[in-house]
Amino acid sequence: MIKKLLFITCITLGIANGTYAQKKFTPGVRGGLSLSTITNAEADYKADFYVGLQFPIKLVSFYTLQPELNYTRQGAKNANLQYVKRGNGYNEPYQSVSEDINLSYIDINVINKFSFKDFNVHVGPGFAIMTEGKSKTEFYGDLTLNLGVGYQVTDHLGIEARWRQGVVRVVDKDYWFYTDYWYNDDSFNSSFQIGLTYTF
């Protein structure tokens, strides 16, 4: 998967280099507030930040291909990710432990941006590499789907809001009943981002 992503990134950068003289290539920065949680964990939202670089290539008047490299802080507050276990006796109560989860990722996104005058719509996949935190699965990363909208305030300054949904499980949450029956309830990253962009 990483090799495929690097191949796509190289192709994208090659397109940018080859079309620089003909198409509008305007690199920039982006950053703002990240509100994140972990699904199926009875968790509260965690407020943190994201910051990154964007490399938009305006191919036609209404379409921009925008590779991104971001640093995103995520996680959740009061997430119930521990085992929920019943004791030896049938009348003993269930037990659960809630904890704050702090996660950080390096994100490589390939965003398709469709412009309608000053408004724009974003959609695209991403690959996230965990740099902080502890996964409770064997995979320390995530694949994401990014959906968002933006508004260009000036030629250089814009505002945007984006929903970022992970599609690879972050943790395994297991419920145990008695001593021999259990089922899984996988949990995923989910975050809402709102911030500013500035192109040079």
N, C-alpha and C. Protein backbone atom coordinates (compact mmCIF):
# COMPACT_ATOMS: atom_id res chain seq x y z
N MET A 1 0.82 -1.20 0.00
CA MET A 1 0.00 0.00 0.00
C MET A 1 0.86 1.26 0.00
N ILE A 2 1.93 1.27 0.81
CA ILE A 2 2.81 2.43 0.87
C ILE A 2 3.48 2.65 -0.48
N LYS A 3 3.92 1.55 -1.14
CA LYS A 3 4.57 1.67 -2.43
C LYS A 3 3.61 2.25 -3.47
N LYS A 4 2.37 1.81 -3.43
CA LYS A 4 1.37 2.34 -4.36
C LYS A 4 1.14 3.82 -4.12
N LEU A 5 1.07 4.22 -2.83
CA LEU A 5 0.84 5.62 -2.50
C LEU A 5 2.01 6.49 -2.94
N LEU A 6 3.25 6.01 -2.73
CA LEU A 6 4.43 6.75 -3.17
C LEU A 6 4.45 6.87 -4.69
N PHE A 7 4.02 5.83 -5.39
CA PHE A 7 3.95 5.88 -6.85
C PHE A 7 2.97 6.95 -7.31
N ILE A 8 1.78 6.98 -6.67
CA ILE A 8 0.78 7.99 -7.02
C ILE A 8 1.31 9.38 -6.74
N THR A 9 2.00 9.55 -5.59
CA THR A 9 2.56 10.86 -5.24
C THR A 9 3.60 11.30 -6.26
N CYS A 10 4.47 10.38 -6.70
CA CYS A 10 5.50 10.72 -7.69
C CYS A 10 4.85 11.12 -9.01
N ILE A 11 3.81 10.39 -9.41
CA ILE A 11 3.11 10.73 -10.65
C ILE A 11 2.51 12.13 -10.53
N THR A 12 1.90 12.41 -9.36
CA THR A 12 1.29 13.72 -9.15
C THR A 12 2.32 14.83 -9.23
N LEU A 13 3.46 14.63 -8.55
CA LEU A 13 4.51 15.65 -8.58
C LEU A 13 5.08 15.79 -9.98
N GLY A 14 5.14 14.69 -10.73
CA GLY A 14 5.60 14.76 -12.10
C GLY A 14 4.67 15.58 -12.97
N ILE A 15 3.37 15.42 -12.74
CA ILE A 15 2.39 16.22 -13.47
C ILE A 15 2.58 17.69 -13.14
N ALA A 16 2.79 17.96 -11.83
CA ALA A 16 2.98 19.35 -11.41
C ALA A 16 4.19 19.97 -12.08
N ASN A 17 5.29 19.21 -12.16
CA ASN A 17 6.52 19.73 -12.75
C ASN A 17 6.37 19.93 -14.26
N GLY A 18 5.70 18.99 -14.90
CA GLY A 18 5.56 19.07 -16.34
C GLY A 18 4.59 20.12 -16.82
N THR A 19 3.64 20.50 -15.96
CA THR A 19 2.62 21.46 -16.37
C THR A 19 2.80 22.81 -15.72
N TYR A 20 3.91 23.00 -14.99
CA TYR A 20 4.11 24.24 -14.25
C TYR A 20 4.02 25.47 -15.15
N ALA A 21 4.62 25.38 -16.35
CA ALA A 21 4.66 26.54 -17.22
C ALA A 21 3.32 26.79 -17.89
N GLN A 22 2.45 25.77 -17.92
CA GLN A 22 1.20 25.90 -18.63
C GLN A 22 0.01 26.02 -17.70
N LYS A 23 0.07 25.41 -16.54
CA LYS A 23 -1.04 25.42 -15.62
C LYS A 23 -0.68 26.21 -14.38
N LYS A 24 -1.68 26.56 -13.60
CA LYS A 24 -1.47 27.39 -12.41
C LYS A 24 -1.13 26.51 -11.22
N PHE A 25 0.11 26.58 -10.78
CA PHE A 25 0.58 25.80 -9.63
C PHE A 25 0.87 26.78 -8.50
N THR A 26 0.07 26.70 -7.41
CA THR A 26 0.16 27.68 -6.32
C THR A 26 0.27 26.96 -4.99
N PRO A 27 1.47 26.60 -4.56
CA PRO A 27 1.62 25.92 -3.26
C PRO A 27 1.20 26.83 -2.12
N GLY A 28 0.85 26.21 -1.01
CA GLY A 28 0.39 27.00 0.13
C GLY A 28 0.42 26.20 1.42
N VAL A 29 -0.13 26.81 2.45
CA VAL A 29 -0.21 26.19 3.77
C VAL A 29 -1.66 26.15 4.22
N ARG A 30 -1.95 25.26 5.15
CA ARG A 30 -3.29 25.12 5.70
C ARG A 30 -3.19 24.73 7.16
N GLY A 31 -4.18 25.09 7.95
CA GLY A 31 -4.17 24.73 9.37
C GLY A 31 -5.41 25.22 10.06
N GLY A 32 -5.67 24.64 11.24
CA GLY A 32 -6.84 25.06 11.99
C GLY A 32 -7.20 24.09 13.10
N LEU A 33 -8.47 24.07 13.44
CA LEU A 33 -9.01 23.29 14.55
C LEU A 33 -9.46 21.91 14.07
N SER A 34 -9.12 20.89 14.85
CA SER A 34 -9.55 19.53 14.57
C SER A 34 -10.39 19.02 15.74
N LEU A 35 -11.62 18.64 15.47
CA LEU A 35 -12.50 18.02 16.47
C LEU A 35 -12.64 16.55 16.09
N SER A 36 -12.11 15.67 16.93
CA SER A 36 -12.04 14.26 16.56
C SER A 36 -12.66 13.37 17.63
N THR A 37 -13.06 12.18 17.19
CA THR A 37 -13.56 11.17 18.11
C THR A 37 -13.24 9.80 17.53
N ILE A 38 -13.58 8.77 18.27
CA ILE A 38 -13.44 7.39 17.82
C ILE A 38 -14.81 6.74 17.89
N THR A 39 -15.26 6.20 16.78
CA THR A 39 -16.62 5.66 16.71
C THR A 39 -16.74 4.37 17.52
N ASN A 40 -17.98 4.05 17.89
CA ASN A 40 -18.30 2.83 18.62
C ASN A 40 -17.53 2.71 19.94
N ALA A 41 -17.22 3.85 20.55
CA ALA A 41 -16.47 3.82 21.80
C ALA A 41 -17.12 4.70 22.87
N GLU A 42 -18.33 5.18 22.60
CA GLU A 42 -19.04 6.02 23.56
C GLU A 42 -18.18 7.21 23.99
N ALA A 43 -17.42 7.76 23.04
CA ALA A 43 -16.40 8.76 23.35
C ALA A 43 -16.91 10.17 23.10
N ASP A 44 -16.28 11.13 23.79
CA ASP A 44 -16.52 12.54 23.56
C ASP A 44 -15.51 13.07 22.55
N TYR A 45 -15.84 14.23 21.95
CA TYR A 45 -14.94 14.83 20.98
C TYR A 45 -13.73 15.46 21.67
N LYS A 46 -12.59 15.40 21.00
CA LYS A 46 -11.34 15.96 21.48
C LYS A 46 -10.95 17.12 20.56
N ALA A 47 -10.67 18.29 21.11
CA ALA A 47 -10.27 19.45 20.33
C ALA A 47 -8.75 19.52 20.25
N ASP A 48 -8.23 19.66 19.03
CA ASP A 48 -6.79 19.78 18.84
C ASP A 48 -6.56 20.56 17.55
N PHE A 49 -5.46 20.33 16.84
CA PHE A 49 -5.16 21.13 15.66
C PHE A 49 -4.63 20.26 14.52
N TYR A 50 -4.63 20.85 13.33
CA TYR A 50 -3.97 20.26 12.17
C TYR A 50 -3.21 21.37 11.45
N VAL A 51 -2.14 21.00 10.76
CA VAL A 51 -1.35 21.96 9.99
C VAL A 51 -0.70 21.21 8.84
N GLY A 52 -0.51 21.88 7.71
CA GLY A 52 0.07 21.16 6.59
C GLY A 52 0.41 22.03 5.41
N LEU A 53 0.87 21.35 4.36
CA LEU A 53 1.22 21.98 3.09
C LEU A 53 0.28 21.47 2.02
N GLN A 54 -0.07 22.34 1.08
CA GLN A 54 -0.91 21.95 -0.04
C GLN A 54 -0.25 22.37 -1.35
N PHE A 55 -0.47 21.56 -2.39
CA PHE A 55 0.18 21.78 -3.67
C PHE A 55 -0.85 21.75 -4.79
N PRO A 56 -1.75 22.75 -4.83
CA PRO A 56 -2.82 22.73 -5.82
C PRO A 56 -2.32 23.00 -7.24
N ILE A 57 -2.82 22.21 -8.18
CA ILE A 57 -2.52 22.35 -9.59
C ILE A 57 -3.85 22.56 -10.32
N LYS A 58 -4.08 23.78 -10.77
CA LYS A 58 -5.34 24.10 -11.42
C LYS A 58 -5.27 23.65 -12.87
N LEU A 59 -5.91 22.54 -13.16
CA LEU A 59 -5.84 21.95 -14.49
C LEU A 59 -6.81 22.60 -15.46
N VAL A 60 -8.01 22.89 -15.00
CA VAL A 60 -8.99 23.64 -15.79
C VAL A 60 -9.65 24.65 -14.85
N SER A 61 -10.52 25.49 -15.39
CA SER A 61 -11.07 26.59 -14.60
C SER A 61 -11.85 26.12 -13.38
N PHE A 62 -12.48 24.94 -13.47
CA PHE A 62 -13.34 24.49 -12.38
C PHE A 62 -12.74 23.32 -11.58
N TYR A 63 -11.57 22.81 -12.00
CA TYR A 63 -11.02 21.63 -11.33
C TYR A 63 -9.56 21.83 -10.97
N THR A 64 -9.24 21.51 -9.69
CA THR A 64 -7.88 21.60 -9.18
C THR A 64 -7.51 20.28 -8.53
N LEU A 65 -6.37 19.72 -8.90
CA LEU A 65 -5.82 18.55 -8.23
C LEU A 65 -4.90 19.03 -7.12
N GLN A 66 -5.17 18.62 -5.88
CA GLN A 66 -4.45 19.18 -4.74
C GLN A 66 -3.86 18.09 -3.84
N PRO A 67 -2.62 17.68 -4.09
CA PRO A 67 -1.92 16.82 -3.11
C PRO A 67 -1.64 17.62 -1.84
N GLU A 68 -1.65 16.92 -0.70
CA GLU A 68 -1.42 17.57 0.60
C GLU A 68 -0.51 16.71 1.47
N LEU A 69 0.24 17.37 2.31
CA LEU A 69 1.03 16.72 3.35
C LEU A 69 0.70 17.41 4.66
N ASN A 70 0.03 16.70 5.58
CA ASN A 70 -0.49 17.31 6.81
C ASN A 70 -0.01 16.58 8.06
N TYR A 71 0.02 17.33 9.16
CA TYR A 71 0.20 16.76 10.48
C TYR A 71 -1.09 16.99 11.24
N THR A 72 -1.72 15.90 11.70
CA THR A 72 -3.03 15.98 12.32
C THR A 72 -3.00 15.33 13.71
N ARG A 73 -3.49 16.06 14.70
CA ARG A 73 -3.63 15.51 16.05
C ARG A 73 -5.08 15.12 16.26
N GLN A 74 -5.28 13.87 16.68
CA GLN A 74 -6.62 13.32 16.81
C GLN A 74 -6.77 12.58 18.14
N GLY A 75 -7.82 11.77 18.19
CA GLY A 75 -8.08 10.97 19.37
C GLY A 75 -9.50 11.15 19.86
N ALA A 76 -9.69 10.98 21.15
CA ALA A 76 -11.03 11.10 21.74
C ALA A 76 -10.91 11.26 23.24
N LYS A 77 -11.94 11.82 23.84
CA LYS A 77 -12.04 11.94 25.29
C LYS A 77 -12.99 10.88 25.82
N ASN A 78 -12.61 10.29 26.95
CA ASN A 78 -13.48 9.33 27.65
C ASN A 78 -13.93 8.18 26.74
N ALA A 79 -12.99 7.64 26.01
CA ALA A 79 -13.31 6.54 25.10
C ALA A 79 -13.29 5.21 25.85
N ASN A 80 -14.31 4.41 25.64
CA ASN A 80 -14.40 3.10 26.26
C ASN A 80 -13.83 2.08 25.27
N LEU A 81 -12.53 1.80 25.40
CA LEU A 81 -11.85 0.89 24.49
C LEU A 81 -11.37 -0.37 25.19
N GLN A 82 -11.58 -0.46 26.48
CA GLN A 82 -11.15 -1.63 27.23
C GLN A 82 -12.19 -2.74 27.11
N TYR A 83 -11.79 -3.93 27.51
CA TYR A 83 -12.74 -5.04 27.53
C TYR A 83 -13.90 -4.73 28.48
N VAL A 84 -15.06 -5.14 28.06
CA VAL A 84 -16.22 -5.10 28.93
C VAL A 84 -16.50 -6.54 29.31
N LYS A 85 -16.27 -6.88 30.56
CA LYS A 85 -16.22 -8.28 30.95
C LYS A 85 -17.20 -8.56 32.10
N ARG A 86 -17.80 -9.69 32.05
CA ARG A 86 -18.66 -10.12 33.14
C ARG A 86 -17.90 -11.10 34.01
N GLY A 87 -18.08 -11.01 35.31
CA GLY A 87 -17.33 -11.83 36.25
C GLY A 87 -17.78 -13.28 36.24
N ASN A 88 -17.23 -14.03 37.17
CA ASN A 88 -17.53 -15.45 37.25
C ASN A 88 -18.97 -15.72 37.64
N GLY A 89 -19.51 -14.80 38.44
CA GLY A 89 -20.90 -14.98 38.85
C GLY A 89 -21.84 -14.29 37.88
N TYR A 90 -22.98 -14.88 37.62
CA TYR A 90 -23.91 -14.33 36.64
C TYR A 90 -24.48 -12.99 37.07
N ASN A 91 -24.53 -12.71 38.35
CA ASN A 91 -25.12 -11.47 38.84
C ASN A 91 -24.12 -10.33 38.98
N GLU A 92 -22.85 -10.57 38.67
CA GLU A 92 -21.87 -9.51 38.78
C GLU A 92 -22.05 -8.50 37.65
N PRO A 93 -21.84 -7.20 37.92
CA PRO A 93 -22.07 -6.17 36.88
C PRO A 93 -20.97 -6.19 35.83
N TYR A 94 -21.28 -5.58 34.68
CA TYR A 94 -20.27 -5.38 33.65
C TYR A 94 -19.26 -4.36 34.13
N GLN A 95 -18.05 -4.45 33.65
CA GLN A 95 -16.98 -3.54 34.01
C GLN A 95 -16.40 -2.91 32.75
N SER A 96 -16.18 -1.61 32.77
CA SER A 96 -15.57 -0.94 31.63
C SER A 96 -14.67 0.18 32.14
N VAL A 97 -13.69 0.53 31.34
CA VAL A 97 -12.74 1.58 31.70
C VAL A 97 -12.69 2.59 30.57
N SER A 98 -12.91 3.86 30.87
CA SER A 98 -12.82 4.91 29.87
C SER A 98 -11.48 5.60 29.98
N GLU A 99 -10.95 6.06 28.86
CA GLU A 99 -9.65 6.70 28.83
C GLU A 99 -9.60 7.74 27.72
N ASP A 100 -8.70 8.72 27.89
CA ASP A 100 -8.45 9.70 26.84
C ASP A 100 -7.44 9.11 25.86
N ILE A 101 -7.74 9.23 24.57
CA ILE A 101 -6.87 8.69 23.53
C ILE A 101 -6.24 9.85 22.77
N ASN A 102 -4.91 9.88 22.72
CA ASN A 102 -4.18 10.91 21.98
C ASN A 102 -3.43 10.25 20.82
N LEU A 103 -3.77 10.67 19.61
CA LEU A 103 -3.18 10.11 18.40
C LEU A 103 -2.68 11.25 17.52
N SER A 104 -1.60 11.01 16.80
CA SER A 104 -1.09 11.97 15.81
C SER A 104 -0.77 11.22 14.53
N TYR A 105 -0.99 11.87 13.40
CA TYR A 105 -0.76 11.25 12.10
C TYR A 105 -0.08 12.21 11.13
N ILE A 106 0.73 11.66 10.25
CA ILE A 106 1.17 12.34 9.05
C ILE A 106 0.24 11.89 7.93
N ASP A 107 -0.46 12.83 7.33
CA ASP A 107 -1.45 12.53 6.30
C ASP A 107 -0.92 12.89 4.92
N ILE A 108 -1.09 12.00 3.97
CA ILE A 108 -0.85 12.28 2.57
C ILE A 108 -2.19 12.17 1.86
N ASN A 109 -2.72 13.31 1.43
CA ASN A 109 -4.03 13.35 0.79
C ASN A 109 -3.90 13.69 -0.69
N VAL A 110 -4.81 13.18 -1.48
CA VAL A 110 -4.95 13.59 -2.87
C VAL A 110 -6.38 14.10 -3.03
N ILE A 111 -6.52 15.43 -2.96
CA ILE A 111 -7.83 16.06 -2.94
C ILE A 111 -8.21 16.55 -4.33
N ASN A 112 -9.44 16.25 -4.72
CA ASN A 112 -10.02 16.79 -5.94
C ASN A 112 -10.89 17.98 -5.55
N LYS A 113 -10.55 19.16 -6.06
CA LYS A 113 -11.26 20.38 -5.68
C LYS A 113 -12.03 20.91 -6.89
N PHE A 114 -13.33 21.06 -6.73
CA PHE A 114 -14.20 21.58 -7.77
C PHE A 114 -14.67 22.98 -7.38
N SER A 115 -14.41 23.95 -8.24
CA SER A 115 -14.67 25.36 -7.91
C SER A 115 -15.92 25.87 -8.62
N PHE A 116 -16.70 26.65 -7.86
CA PHE A 116 -17.88 27.34 -8.37
C PHE A 116 -17.75 28.79 -7.95
N LYS A 117 -17.06 29.58 -8.80
CA LYS A 117 -16.68 30.96 -8.47
C LYS A 117 -15.81 30.93 -7.22
N ASP A 118 -16.23 31.56 -6.11
CA ASP A 118 -15.40 31.60 -4.91
C ASP A 118 -15.59 30.40 -4.01
N PHE A 119 -16.61 29.58 -4.26
CA PHE A 119 -16.85 28.39 -3.45
C PHE A 119 -16.18 27.18 -4.09
N ASN A 120 -15.81 26.22 -3.26
CA ASN A 120 -15.22 24.99 -3.78
C ASN A 120 -15.63 23.80 -2.93
N VAL A 121 -15.61 22.63 -3.55
CA VAL A 121 -15.97 21.37 -2.90
C VAL A 121 -14.77 20.44 -2.98
N HIS A 122 -14.46 19.75 -1.87
CA HIS A 122 -13.29 18.87 -1.80
C HIS A 122 -13.74 17.42 -1.63
N VAL A 123 -13.07 16.52 -2.32
CA VAL A 123 -13.29 15.09 -2.10
C VAL A 123 -12.01 14.35 -2.50
N GLY A 124 -11.61 13.38 -1.70
CA GLY A 124 -10.42 12.64 -2.05
C GLY A 124 -9.96 11.69 -0.96
N PRO A 125 -9.12 10.73 -1.33
CA PRO A 125 -8.61 9.75 -0.37
C PRO A 125 -7.34 10.25 0.32
N GLY A 126 -6.98 9.57 1.39
CA GLY A 126 -5.75 9.89 2.10
C GLY A 126 -5.16 8.65 2.75
N PHE A 127 -3.87 8.73 3.03
CA PHE A 127 -3.16 7.68 3.74
C PHE A 127 -2.49 8.32 4.95
N ALA A 128 -2.74 7.78 6.14
CA ALA A 128 -2.25 8.37 7.38
C ALA A 128 -1.29 7.41 8.08
N ILE A 129 -0.16 7.94 8.50
CA ILE A 129 0.85 7.17 9.23
C ILE A 129 0.87 7.66 10.67
N MET A 130 0.65 6.76 11.63
CA MET A 130 0.62 7.14 13.04
C MET A 130 2.02 7.50 13.54
N THR A 131 2.15 8.67 14.15
CA THR A 131 3.43 9.13 14.70
C THR A 131 3.39 9.23 16.22
N GLU A 132 2.20 9.23 16.80
CA GLU A 132 2.06 9.30 18.26
C GLU A 132 0.83 8.51 18.66
N GLY A 133 0.93 7.81 19.76
CA GLY A 133 -0.20 7.02 20.23
C GLY A 133 0.11 5.54 20.15
N LYS A 134 -0.86 4.74 20.54
CA LYS A 134 -0.69 3.29 20.58
C LYS A 134 -1.91 2.64 19.97
N SER A 135 -1.72 1.98 18.85
CA SER A 135 -2.81 1.27 18.22
C SER A 135 -3.04 -0.05 18.95
N LYS A 136 -4.27 -0.47 19.02
CA LYS A 136 -4.59 -1.75 19.62
C LYS A 136 -4.88 -2.79 18.54
N THR A 137 -4.42 -2.50 17.33
CA THR A 137 -4.46 -3.48 16.26
C THR A 137 -3.03 -3.64 15.74
N GLU A 138 -2.87 -4.43 14.68
CA GLU A 138 -1.54 -4.67 14.14
C GLU A 138 -1.14 -3.63 13.10
N PHE A 139 -2.02 -2.67 12.78
CA PHE A 139 -1.77 -1.69 11.73
C PHE A 139 -1.67 -0.29 12.34
N TYR A 140 -0.51 0.34 12.22
CA TYR A 140 -0.30 1.67 12.79
C TYR A 140 -0.48 2.73 11.71
N GLY A 141 -1.66 2.83 11.20
CA GLY A 141 -1.97 3.81 10.17
C GLY A 141 -3.45 3.81 9.89
N ASP A 142 -3.84 4.54 8.85
CA ASP A 142 -5.25 4.65 8.53
C ASP A 142 -5.39 5.01 7.06
N LEU A 143 -6.48 4.62 6.47
CA LEU A 143 -6.90 5.10 5.16
C LEU A 143 -8.10 5.99 5.39
N THR A 144 -8.14 7.14 4.74
CA THR A 144 -9.18 8.12 5.06
C THR A 144 -9.94 8.55 3.82
N LEU A 145 -11.16 8.99 4.05
CA LEU A 145 -11.98 9.65 3.04
C LEU A 145 -12.20 11.08 3.51
N ASN A 146 -11.91 12.05 2.64
CA ASN A 146 -12.00 13.46 2.98
C ASN A 146 -13.08 14.13 2.14
N LEU A 147 -14.02 14.80 2.81
CA LEU A 147 -15.09 15.54 2.15
C LEU A 147 -15.16 16.92 2.77
N GLY A 148 -15.25 17.97 1.94
CA GLY A 148 -15.27 19.30 2.52
C GLY A 148 -15.74 20.37 1.56
N VAL A 149 -15.83 21.58 2.10
CA VAL A 149 -16.19 22.76 1.32
C VAL A 149 -15.25 23.90 1.71
N GLY A 150 -15.13 24.87 0.82
CA GLY A 150 -14.27 26.01 1.10
C GLY A 150 -14.79 27.27 0.44
N TYR A 151 -14.24 28.39 0.88
CA TYR A 151 -14.60 29.68 0.30
C TYR A 151 -13.33 30.51 0.16
N GLN A 152 -13.09 31.04 -1.03
CA GLN A 152 -11.90 31.83 -1.30
C GLN A 152 -12.19 33.29 -0.97
N VAL A 153 -11.62 33.78 0.13
CA VAL A 153 -11.86 35.15 0.59
C VAL A 153 -11.14 36.15 -0.30
N THR A 154 -9.86 35.87 -0.58
CA THR A 154 -9.06 36.67 -1.50
C THR A 154 -8.35 35.72 -2.46
N ASP A 155 -7.50 36.25 -3.31
CA ASP A 155 -6.74 35.39 -4.22
C ASP A 155 -5.82 34.43 -3.48
N HIS A 156 -5.43 34.80 -2.25
CA HIS A 156 -4.48 33.98 -1.49
C HIS A 156 -5.10 33.33 -0.25
N LEU A 157 -6.08 33.95 0.37
CA LEU A 157 -6.64 33.49 1.64
C LEU A 157 -7.97 32.80 1.44
N GLY A 158 -8.12 31.63 2.07
CA GLY A 158 -9.38 30.91 2.00
C GLY A 158 -9.74 30.30 3.34
N ILE A 159 -11.00 29.94 3.50
CA ILE A 159 -11.46 29.20 4.68
C ILE A 159 -12.04 27.89 4.20
N GLU A 160 -11.97 26.87 5.06
CA GLU A 160 -12.46 25.56 4.66
C GLU A 160 -12.96 24.77 5.86
N ALA A 161 -13.86 23.85 5.59
CA ALA A 161 -14.36 22.90 6.58
C ALA A 161 -14.35 21.53 5.93
N ARG A 162 -13.87 20.54 6.69
CA ARG A 162 -13.70 19.22 6.08
C ARG A 162 -14.00 18.11 7.09
N TRP A 163 -14.65 17.08 6.60
CA TRP A 163 -14.89 15.87 7.39
C TRP A 163 -13.90 14.82 6.94
N ARG A 164 -13.24 14.18 7.91
CA ARG A 164 -12.20 13.19 7.64
C ARG A 164 -12.59 11.89 8.34
N GLN A 165 -12.89 10.87 7.56
CA GLN A 165 -13.36 9.59 8.13
C GLN A 165 -12.36 8.49 7.84
N GLY A 166 -11.89 7.82 8.90
CA GLY A 166 -11.02 6.68 8.72
C GLY A 166 -11.82 5.45 8.34
N VAL A 167 -11.21 4.57 7.54
CA VAL A 167 -11.90 3.36 7.11
C VAL A 167 -11.18 2.09 7.55
N VAL A 168 -10.07 2.27 8.26
CA VAL A 168 -9.34 1.13 8.84
C VAL A 168 -9.52 1.19 10.36
N ARG A 169 -9.82 0.07 10.98
CA ARG A 169 -10.09 0.07 12.41
C ARG A 169 -8.87 0.54 13.20
N VAL A 170 -9.14 1.34 14.21
CA VAL A 170 -8.08 1.86 15.07
C VAL A 170 -7.83 0.91 16.23
N VAL A 171 -8.90 0.38 16.78
CA VAL A 171 -8.81 -0.52 17.92
C VAL A 171 -9.81 -1.64 17.76
N ASP A 172 -9.60 -2.71 18.48
CA ASP A 172 -10.58 -3.78 18.61
C ASP A 172 -11.23 -3.66 19.97
N LYS A 173 -12.52 -3.53 19.98
CA LYS A 173 -13.25 -3.47 21.24
C LYS A 173 -14.06 -4.75 21.36
N ASP A 174 -13.80 -5.53 22.39
CA ASP A 174 -14.43 -6.83 22.55
C ASP A 174 -15.37 -6.83 23.75
N TYR A 175 -16.54 -7.35 23.55
CA TYR A 175 -17.50 -7.55 24.64
C TYR A 175 -17.50 -9.04 25.00
N TRP A 176 -17.40 -9.31 26.28
CA TRP A 176 -17.39 -10.70 26.74
C TRP A 176 -18.64 -10.98 27.57
N PHE A 177 -19.26 -12.13 27.31
CA PHE A 177 -20.40 -12.55 28.10
C PHE A 177 -20.08 -13.92 28.71
N TYR A 178 -20.29 -14.03 30.00
CA TYR A 178 -19.98 -15.26 30.71
C TYR A 178 -18.51 -15.61 30.50
N THR A 179 -18.19 -16.79 30.03
CA THR A 179 -16.78 -17.16 29.88
C THR A 179 -16.43 -17.65 28.48
N ASP A 180 -17.41 -17.80 27.58
CA ASP A 180 -17.07 -18.45 26.32
C ASP A 180 -17.69 -17.78 25.09
N TYR A 181 -18.28 -16.59 25.22
CA TYR A 181 -18.90 -15.96 24.06
C TYR A 181 -18.49 -14.50 24.00
N TRP A 182 -18.12 -14.03 22.79
CA TRP A 182 -17.71 -12.65 22.64
C TRP A 182 -17.99 -12.18 21.22
N TYR A 183 -18.03 -10.87 21.03
CA TYR A 183 -18.14 -10.34 19.68
C TYR A 183 -17.35 -9.03 19.60
N ASN A 184 -16.97 -8.65 18.37
CA ASN A 184 -16.15 -7.47 18.14
C ASN A 184 -17.01 -6.26 17.80
N ASP A 185 -16.54 -5.09 18.18
CA ASP A 185 -17.16 -3.83 17.81
C ASP A 185 -16.03 -2.89 17.43
N ASP A 186 -15.62 -2.91 16.16
CA ASP A 186 -14.45 -2.16 15.73
C ASP A 186 -14.72 -0.67 15.76
N SER A 187 -13.66 0.09 16.03
CA SER A 187 -13.76 1.53 16.17
C SER A 187 -12.88 2.21 15.12
N PHE A 188 -13.32 3.38 14.66
CA PHE A 188 -12.65 4.10 13.59
C PHE A 188 -12.45 5.57 13.95
N ASN A 189 -11.43 6.18 13.36
CA ASN A 189 -11.22 7.61 13.50
C ASN A 189 -12.30 8.38 12.75
N SER A 190 -12.72 9.49 13.34
CA SER A 190 -13.64 10.40 12.66
C SER A 190 -13.35 11.80 13.17
N SER A 191 -13.20 12.76 12.26
CA SER A 191 -12.87 14.11 12.71
C SER A 191 -13.48 15.15 11.78
N PHE A 192 -13.68 16.34 12.35
CA PHE A 192 -14.17 17.49 11.61
C PHE A 192 -13.12 18.59 11.74
N GLN A 193 -12.71 19.16 10.62
CA GLN A 193 -11.67 20.18 10.61
C GLN A 193 -12.23 21.49 10.05
N ILE A 194 -11.84 22.58 10.66
CA ILE A 194 -12.19 23.90 10.14
C ILE A 194 -10.96 24.79 10.30
N GLY A 195 -10.61 25.50 9.23
CA GLY A 195 -9.39 26.29 9.30
C GLY A 195 -9.21 27.21 8.12
N LEU A 196 -7.98 27.70 7.97
CA LEU A 196 -7.62 28.67 6.93
C LEU A 196 -6.60 28.06 5.98
N THR A 197 -6.59 28.56 4.76
CA THR A 197 -5.56 28.21 3.78
C THR A 197 -4.95 29.49 3.24
N TYR A 198 -3.68 29.40 2.87
CA TYR A 198 -3.01 30.55 2.26
C TYR A 198 -2.09 30.04 1.16
N THR A 199 -2.29 30.53 -0.04
CA THR A 199 -1.48 30.15 -1.19
C THR A 199 -0.53 31.30 -1.55
N PHE A 200 0.64 30.95 -2.04
CA PHE A 200 1.68 31.94 -2.34
C PHE A 200 1.65 32.36 -3.82
